[in-house]
Amino acid sequence: MATATQVQKSLQAAMRDALRIQDRFVAEPLFAKTSRGYLKSEGVSTLQRIKSNLQRRPAKAK
């Protein structure tokens, strides 16, 4: 079972992530039927950085 400090750290990390992407969230129009939204892309530079980080990681042996 997780200790209280581990739970607190997990909650803090989740809040950091939520606040980091908050400005990218776009809600559907007010009268939309699904009451959902979507996340705007951060842009091409972010995708390129993610891809380059994935290529640099060594493959895990199975």
Protein backbone atom coordinates (compact mmCIF):
# COMPACT_ATOMS: atom_id res chain seq x y z
CA MET A 1 0.00 0.00 0.00
CA ALA A 2 1.21 3.49 -0.79
CA THR A 3 2.35 5.69 2.03
CA ALA A 4 0.87 9.11 2.65
CA THR A 5 3.95 10.84 1.23
CA GLN A 6 3.79 8.78 -1.98
CA VAL A 7 0.12 9.65 -2.41
CA GLN A 8 0.86 13.33 -1.76
CA LYS A 9 3.67 13.31 -4.35
CA SER A 10 1.41 11.63 -6.90
CA LEU A 11 -1.32 14.20 -6.32
CA GLN A 12 1.16 17.06 -6.66
CA ALA A 13 2.48 15.63 -9.93
CA ALA A 14 -1.07 15.24 -11.26
CA MET A 15 -1.88 18.85 -10.34
CA ARG A 16 1.30 20.11 -12.04
CA ASP A 17 0.36 18.26 -15.23
CA ALA A 18 -3.23 19.50 -15.09
CA LEU A 19 -2.15 23.11 -14.65
CA ARG A 20 0.43 22.76 -17.42
CA ILE A 21 -2.16 21.71 -20.01
CA GLN A 22 -5.06 23.83 -18.76
CA ASP A 23 -4.57 26.59 -21.33
CA ARG A 24 -4.66 24.02 -24.17
CA PHE A 25 -8.07 22.59 -23.28
CA VAL A 26 -10.89 23.79 -25.52
CA ALA A 27 -14.46 23.06 -24.51
CA GLU A 28 -17.13 22.30 -27.06
CA PRO A 29 -19.68 24.99 -27.81
CA LEU A 30 -22.19 25.67 -25.06
CA PHE A 31 -25.03 23.82 -26.74
CA ALA A 32 -23.05 20.76 -27.86
CA LYS A 33 -24.63 17.43 -27.01
CA THR A 34 -21.60 15.56 -25.67
CA SER A 35 -20.38 18.10 -23.08
CA ARG A 36 -16.81 17.24 -23.98
CA GLY A 37 -13.86 19.17 -25.25
CA TYR A 38 -10.48 18.48 -26.75
CA LEU A 39 -6.83 19.32 -26.19
CA LYS A 40 -5.16 21.65 -28.68
CA SER A 41 -1.82 20.56 -30.05
CA GLU A 42 1.29 22.10 -28.54
CA GLY A 43 2.79 22.37 -32.00
CA VAL A 44 5.34 20.75 -34.23
CA SER A 45 8.36 21.54 -32.03
CA THR A 46 6.89 19.57 -29.13
CA LEU A 47 6.18 16.56 -31.35
CA GLN A 48 9.71 16.67 -32.74
CA ARG A 49 11.16 16.77 -29.22
CA ILE A 50 9.04 13.79 -28.14
CA LYS A 51 10.07 11.77 -31.20
CA SER A 52 13.76 12.54 -30.73
CA ASN A 53 13.55 11.48 -27.07
CA LEU A 54 11.91 8.21 -28.08
CA GLN A 55 14.61 7.50 -30.65
CA ARG A 56 17.40 8.11 -28.12
CA ARG A 57 16.04 5.61 -25.59
CA PRO A 58 17.72 2.20 -25.70
CA ALA A 59 15.36 -0.67 -26.52
CA LYS A 60 14.43 -2.83 -23.56
CA ALA A 61 15.48 -6.47 -23.78
CA LYS A 62 12.70 -9.01 -23.33
